[in-house]
Amino acid sequence: MKALYTAEALATGDGRNGHARSSDGRLDFDLAIPAAMGGTGDGTNPEQLFAAGYAACFHSALQLVARQAKANVADSAVGARVGIGSLDGGGFGLEVTLEVSLPHLARAEAEDLTAKAHQVCPYSNATRGNIEVTLVVAEADE
């Protein structure tokens, strides 16, 4: 692969209770373990960042395949839920649910575009075979 762009960030302090900053300074924030995992929740966490990145990346992939299909994706949205938990064999793992809203398309077309976006999205390609990713297409408002 020839990289078109490389993001850089540095985490310091106490890991999940530390601080993170991108090399360009655009991101600069405290991290905190979520309250659900025994922390304070007084900062963001890696799962929130992953969810935001995956949702944005998948939405771009969805818009790309929709343009190619000349489909109306006005008012579209992608939400991501990232779960973290213990693996049976030890350690921790992630799971992702992507919720796609394509309100101006018939369900079959929305599902087809979502499946195609899942094949071209860099995050989907990076996670494929590594973590469970569930695609959910919301019902269109009719």
Protein backbone atom coordinates (compact mmCIF):
# COMPACT_ATOMS: atom_id res chain seq x y z
CA MET A 1 0.00 0.00 0.00
CA LYS A 2 1.18 3.52 -0.75
CA ALA A 3 -0.01 5.75 2.09
CA LEU A 4 -1.77 8.94 0.97
CA TYR A 5 -1.77 10.36 4.49
CA THR A 6 -0.38 9.31 7.86
CA ALA A 7 -1.93 10.47 11.13
CA GLU A 8 0.29 10.73 14.18
CA ALA A 9 -0.67 10.87 17.85
CA LEU A 10 1.08 10.42 21.16
CA ALA A 11 -0.44 9.03 24.36
CA THR A 12 1.22 9.98 27.65
CA GLY A 13 0.50 9.66 31.34
CA ASP A 14 -1.36 6.67 32.71
CA GLY A 15 -2.65 4.92 29.56
CA ARG A 16 -6.43 5.02 29.60
CA ASN A 17 -6.24 7.68 32.32
CA GLY A 18 -3.66 9.74 30.49
CA HIS A 19 -3.55 12.33 27.75
CA ALA A 20 -3.48 12.14 23.96
CA ARG A 21 -2.40 14.69 21.39
CA SER A 22 -2.11 14.57 17.61
CA SER A 23 1.15 15.75 16.05
CA ASP A 24 -0.60 18.78 14.53
CA GLY A 25 -2.32 19.70 17.82
CA ARG A 26 -5.84 19.45 16.40
CA LEU A 27 -6.61 16.73 18.94
CA ASP A 28 -5.46 17.43 22.48
CA PHE A 29 -7.46 15.86 25.31
CA ASP A 30 -7.52 13.92 28.54
CA LEU A 31 -8.40 10.25 28.57
CA ALA A 32 -10.38 8.47 31.27
CA ILE A 33 -11.58 4.94 31.84
CA PRO A 34 -15.38 4.86 31.39
CA ALA A 35 -17.46 4.69 34.57
CA ALA A 36 -18.90 1.36 33.32
CA MET A 37 -15.38 -0.08 33.54
CA GLY A 38 -14.67 1.33 37.01
CA GLY A 39 -13.19 4.67 36.00
CA THR A 40 -14.29 8.26 36.42
CA GLY A 41 -15.43 8.79 32.84
CA ASP A 42 -14.08 12.34 33.07
CA GLY A 43 -12.39 12.19 29.67
CA THR A 44 -12.80 10.51 26.34
CA ASN A 45 -11.67 6.93 25.76
CA PRO A 46 -10.19 4.92 22.89
CA GLU A 47 -13.53 3.25 22.10
CA GLN A 48 -15.24 6.62 21.60
CA LEU A 49 -12.43 7.72 19.31
CA PHE A 50 -12.60 4.48 17.34
CA ALA A 51 -16.41 4.81 17.04
CA ALA A 52 -16.13 8.38 15.73
CA GLY A 53 -13.41 7.46 13.25
CA TYR A 54 -15.18 4.34 11.99
CA ALA A 55 -18.53 6.17 11.61
CA ALA A 56 -16.93 9.01 9.62
CA CYS A 57 -14.85 6.68 7.45
CA PHE A 58 -17.79 4.37 6.72
CA HIS A 59 -20.01 7.35 5.89
CA SER A 60 -17.43 8.53 3.33
CA ALA A 61 -17.27 5.03 1.80
CA LEU A 62 -21.07 4.95 1.68
CA GLN A 63 -21.17 8.30 -0.12
CA LEU A 64 -18.55 7.05 -2.60
CA VAL A 65 -20.49 3.93 -3.57
CA ALA A 66 -23.74 5.92 -3.64
CA ARG A 67 -22.24 8.44 -6.08
CA GLN A 68 -21.12 5.58 -8.30
CA ALA A 69 -24.66 4.17 -8.20
CA LYS A 70 -26.21 7.63 -8.64
CA ALA A 71 -28.24 7.03 -5.48
CA ASN A 72 -29.80 9.75 -3.34
CA VAL A 73 -27.98 9.74 0.00
CA ALA A 74 -29.14 13.17 1.16
CA ASP A 75 -29.70 13.21 4.93
CA SER A 76 -27.72 9.97 5.35
CA ALA A 77 -25.95 9.17 8.59
CA VAL A 78 -23.78 6.46 10.10
CA GLY A 79 -23.60 5.75 13.80
CA ALA A 80 -21.04 3.42 15.37
CA ARG A 81 -21.16 1.57 18.67
CA VAL A 82 -17.89 0.06 19.86
CA GLY A 83 -18.02 -2.46 22.69
CA ILE A 84 -15.06 -3.69 24.69
CA GLY A 85 -15.03 -6.83 26.79
CA SER A 86 -13.09 -9.83 28.00
CA LEU A 87 -12.22 -12.56 25.52
CA ASP A 88 -12.79 -16.20 26.44
CA GLY A 89 -9.10 -16.98 26.00
CA GLY A 90 -7.94 -13.98 28.03
CA GLY A 91 -7.26 -10.38 27.16
CA PHE A 92 -9.78 -7.95 25.75
CA GLY A 93 -11.54 -7.58 22.42
CA LEU A 94 -13.80 -5.20 20.55
CA GLU A 95 -17.08 -5.47 18.69
CA VAL A 96 -18.66 -2.87 16.41
CA THR A 97 -22.20 -2.15 15.28
CA LEU A 98 -22.62 0.30 12.41
CA GLU A 99 -26.10 1.81 12.06
CA VAL A 100 -26.74 3.24 8.60
CA SER A 101 -29.56 5.63 7.82
CA LEU A 102 -30.45 6.19 4.15
CA PRO A 103 -33.92 7.72 4.46
CA HIS A 104 -34.53 8.31 0.74
CA LEU A 105 -33.77 4.79 -0.47
CA ALA A 106 -35.74 1.56 -0.58
CA ARG A 107 -34.49 -0.99 1.94
CA ALA A 108 -32.96 -3.33 -0.67
CA GLU A 109 -30.95 -0.51 -2.25
CA ALA A 110 -29.86 0.80 1.17
CA GLU A 111 -28.67 -2.68 2.19
CA ASP A 112 -26.82 -3.14 -1.11
CA LEU A 113 -24.99 0.19 -0.78
CA THR A 114 -24.16 -0.56 2.86
CA ALA A 115 -22.66 -3.93 1.89
CA LYS A 116 -20.63 -2.28 -0.88
CA ALA A 117 -19.39 0.44 1.48
CA HIS A 118 -18.28 -2.30 3.90
CA GLN A 119 -16.02 -3.68 1.14
CA VAL A 120 -14.27 -0.36 0.41
CA CYS A 121 -14.11 1.30 3.86
CA PRO A 122 -10.52 1.23 5.19
CA TYR A 123 -11.75 0.61 8.76
CA SER A 124 -13.88 -2.31 7.57
CA ASN A 125 -10.92 -3.72 5.68
CA ALA A 126 -8.69 -3.33 8.74
CA THR A 127 -11.13 -5.05 11.10
CA ARG A 128 -12.41 -7.80 8.76
CA GLY A 129 -11.67 -11.19 10.27
CA ASN A 130 -10.39 -9.60 13.48
CA ILE A 131 -13.52 -8.36 15.26
CA GLU A 132 -17.24 -8.79 14.79
CA VAL A 133 -18.77 -5.92 12.80
CA THR A 134 -22.57 -5.87 12.55
CA LEU A 135 -24.25 -3.74 9.88
CA VAL A 136 -27.74 -2.42 10.66
CA VAL A 137 -29.74 -0.50 8.05
CA ALA A 138 -32.42 1.71 9.62
CA GLU A 139 -35.94 1.62 8.28
CA ALA A 140 -36.61 4.46 5.85
CA ASP A 141 -39.23 7.06 6.73
CA GLU A 142 -41.98 6.40 4.25
